[in-house]
Protein backbone atom coordinates (compact mmCIF):
# COMPACT_ATOMS: atom_id res chain seq x y z
CA MET A 1 0.00 0.00 0.00
CA ALA A 2 2.79 2.43 0.90
CA LYS A 3 4.57 1.65 -2.37
CA LYS A 4 1.43 2.49 -4.37
CA VAL A 5 1.08 5.84 -2.63
CA ILE A 6 4.75 6.67 -3.17
CA TYR A 7 4.58 5.63 -6.83
CA MET A 8 1.45 7.77 -7.26
CA LEU A 9 3.30 10.73 -5.70
CA ASP A 10 6.22 10.03 -8.06
CA ARG A 11 3.90 10.17 -11.08
CA PHE A 12 2.42 13.44 -9.82
CA ASN A 13 5.90 14.89 -9.21
CA ASP A 14 7.14 13.70 -12.63
CA ARG A 15 4.18 15.32 -14.40
CA LEU A 16 4.67 18.52 -12.43
CA ILE A 17 8.36 18.56 -13.36
CA TRP A 18 7.43 18.03 -17.01
CA ALA A 19 4.96 20.95 -16.92
CA VAL A 20 7.39 23.25 -15.10
CA LYS A 21 10.15 22.33 -17.56
CA TYR A 22 8.04 23.43 -20.53
CA PHE A 23 6.85 26.54 -18.70
CA LEU A 24 10.51 27.43 -18.11
CA CYS A 25 11.27 26.92 -21.80
CA ALA A 26 8.51 29.37 -22.67
CA VAL A 27 9.62 31.94 -20.08
CA LEU A 28 13.26 31.68 -21.15
CA THR A 29 12.28 32.09 -24.81
CA LEU A 30 10.20 35.15 -23.97
CA GLN A 31 13.04 36.56 -21.89
CA VAL A 32 15.54 36.22 -24.72
CA CYS A 33 13.09 37.83 -27.17
CA LEU A 34 12.37 40.64 -24.71
CA ILE A 35 16.06 41.36 -24.19
CA PHE A 36 16.67 41.31 -27.95
CA VAL A 37 13.82 43.77 -28.57
CA SER A 38 15.07 45.91 -25.71
CA VAL A 39 18.56 46.09 -27.19
CA VAL A 40 17.21 46.95 -30.65
CA MET A 41 14.94 49.64 -29.21
CA ARG A 42 17.67 51.14 -27.04
CA TYR A 43 20.73 51.07 -29.27
CA PHE A 44 19.35 51.16 -32.79
CA LEU A 45 16.10 53.12 -32.52
CA ASN A 46 17.09 55.25 -29.52
CA ARG A 47 13.69 54.50 -27.89
CA PRO A 48 14.42 52.40 -24.77
CA LEU A 49 11.63 50.41 -23.16
CA SER A 50 11.43 51.54 -19.55
CA TRP A 51 9.92 48.29 -18.29
CA SER A 52 11.92 45.66 -20.21
CA ASP A 53 14.86 45.31 -17.80
CA GLU A 54 12.53 44.92 -14.84
CA MET A 55 10.44 42.30 -16.64
CA ALA A 56 13.58 40.40 -17.70
CA THR A 57 14.74 40.42 -14.07
CA PHE A 58 11.41 39.04 -12.87
CA MET A 59 11.60 36.33 -15.53
CA LEU A 60 15.11 35.48 -14.32
CA VAL A 61 13.76 35.05 -10.79
CA TYR A 62 11.14 32.60 -12.07
CA VAL A 63 13.67 30.66 -14.15
CA THR A 64 16.11 30.48 -11.24
CA PHE A 65 13.68 29.23 -8.61
CA LEU A 66 11.62 26.88 -10.77
CA GLY A 67 14.78 25.68 -12.51
CA THR A 68 16.14 24.67 -9.12
CA TYR A 69 13.10 22.45 -8.58
CA VAL A 70 13.53 20.76 -11.97
CA ALA A 71 17.31 20.39 -11.57
CA SER A 72 16.96 18.94 -8.09
CA ASN A 73 14.50 16.30 -9.27
CA THR A 74 16.43 15.30 -12.37
CA GLY A 75 19.85 14.99 -10.72
CA HIS A 76 21.32 18.12 -12.32
CA LEU A 77 21.70 20.21 -9.16
CA ALA A 78 25.01 20.31 -7.34
CA LYS A 79 24.45 18.65 -4.00
CA VAL A 80 26.47 16.97 -1.30
CA GLU A 81 26.52 13.73 -3.31
CA LEU A 82 30.25 14.04 -3.86
CA PHE A 83 30.67 13.78 -0.09
CA ILE A 84 28.12 10.96 0.17
CA SER A 85 29.92 8.95 -2.51
CA LEU A 86 32.98 8.71 -0.24
CA PHE A 87 31.11 6.23 1.97
CA LYS A 88 30.14 2.62 1.28
CA GLY A 89 27.55 0.29 2.78
CA PRO A 90 25.63 1.41 5.88
CA LEU A 91 27.63 4.64 6.17
CA HIS A 92 26.56 5.54 2.62
CA THR A 93 22.90 5.02 3.55
CA ALA A 94 23.35 7.00 6.78
CA ALA A 95 24.99 9.86 4.86
CA LYS A 96 22.11 9.88 2.35
CA ILE A 97 19.58 9.98 5.19
CA LEU A 98 21.39 12.85 6.94
CA SER A 99 21.72 14.73 3.65
CA ARG A 100 18.00 14.44 2.93
CA ILE A 101 17.08 15.47 6.47
CA PHE A 102 19.41 18.48 6.33
CA SER A 103 18.17 19.52 2.86
CA ALA A 104 14.53 19.08 3.86
CA GLY A 105 15.13 21.12 7.02
CA LEU A 106 16.77 23.92 5.06
CA VAL A 107 14.13 24.19 2.32
CA GLY A 108 11.37 23.76 4.91
CA TRP A 109 12.82 26.62 6.96
CA ILE A 110 13.12 28.84 3.87
CA GLY A 111 9.61 27.80 2.80
CA PHE A 112 8.13 28.60 6.22
CA TYR A 113 9.76 32.01 6.56
CA GLY A 114 9.33 32.73 2.86
CA THR A 115 5.60 32.14 3.27
CA LYS A 116 5.52 34.42 6.30
CA MET A 117 7.42 37.08 4.35
CA TYR A 118 5.11 36.70 1.34
CA PHE A 119 2.01 37.36 3.44
CA SER A 120 3.60 40.28 5.29
CA ASN A 121 2.46 43.83 4.59
CA ILE A 122 5.88 44.68 3.21
CA ILE A 123 5.45 42.34 0.24
CA GLN A 124 1.68 42.69 -0.12
CA ASN A 125 1.84 46.49 -0.39
CA GLN A 126 5.04 46.79 -2.44
CA VAL A 127 4.94 47.63 -6.16
CA SER A 128 7.68 47.42 -8.76
CA SER A 129 9.36 50.64 -9.81
CA ALA A 130 8.96 50.59 -13.60
CA MET A 131 5.85 48.52 -14.26
CA GLN A 132 4.03 49.36 -11.02
CA ILE A 133 2.82 45.76 -10.57
CA PRO A 134 2.37 44.30 -7.08
CA MET A 135 5.55 42.53 -6.01
CA ARG A 136 3.52 39.65 -4.65
CA PHE A 137 3.18 38.50 -8.29
CA VAL A 138 6.93 38.04 -8.33
CA TRP A 139 7.73 36.84 -4.82
CA TRP A 140 5.14 34.05 -4.59
CA ILE A 141 7.70 31.90 -6.40
CA LEU A 142 10.01 31.72 -3.34
CA PRO A 143 7.71 29.88 -0.92
CA VAL A 144 6.06 27.80 -3.66
CA THR A 145 9.41 26.53 -4.93
CA MET A 146 10.64 25.78 -1.42
CA TRP A 147 7.50 23.75 -0.64
CA LEU A 148 7.95 21.86 -3.93
CA LEU A 149 11.58 21.18 -3.03
CA LEU A 150 10.51 19.97 0.42
CA PHE A 151 8.02 17.61 -1.24
CA SER A 152 10.75 16.23 -3.49
CA GLU A 153 13.19 15.91 -0.57
CA VAL A 154 10.62 13.87 1.36
CA LEU A 155 10.11 11.68 -1.72
CA GLY A 156 13.89 11.32 -2.03
CA PHE A 157 14.09 10.32 1.62
CA LEU A 158 11.42 7.67 1.10
CA HIS A 159 13.26 6.40 -1.97
CA ILE A 160 16.26 5.56 0.17
CA PHE A 161 14.10 2.73 1.52
CA ILE A 162 11.62 2.17 -1.35
CA PRO A 163 13.20 2.54 -4.82
CA ARG A 164 11.35 4.35 -7.62
CA SER A 165 9.13 2.11 -9.74
CA ASP A 166 11.30 2.77 -12.82
CA GLY A 167 14.49 1.87 -10.93
CA ASN A 168 16.10 5.28 -11.50
CA GLU A 169 17.38 7.47 -8.70
CA TYR A 170 15.94 10.61 -10.29
CA ALA A 171 13.02 11.51 -12.54
CA ARG A 172 13.75 10.84 -16.23
CA LEU A 173 11.85 13.30 -18.36
CA ASP A 174 13.65 13.05 -21.69
């Protein structure tokens, strides 16, 4: 029964990673196009777009945070695995357990305080300088990504004891 629930959570996480990956492709494509148009407008037509740099920065924030979630789940994020690989047998398993607990604690802490910060008056009442949009539309990504990373760390912890149904250590979304 526990395996079925974990495998169901894996399928949900894999589909979410797939969706986020394609969302990131779209955002990155838009960002590159926006920067290109901004350069053309500024240096060739002498008509700079006042909002383009701010929008490109916000897009970079999205790509950075959501990209961390995808990279963490697909094995492309630098972690403490180099240290863990020094151990063999039971010490290797113990190091993996401690690594997952530490990582989960860190992203849980950032998620908790990031959520508190997001709902604070400072963020809720703040607007961006050029576009005058509420900053909460930008900063929601911090707590959401940290909660997603916590979810994947808990799954990774469970996979120390119950391997993924496909036998891989990480999600394969190719």
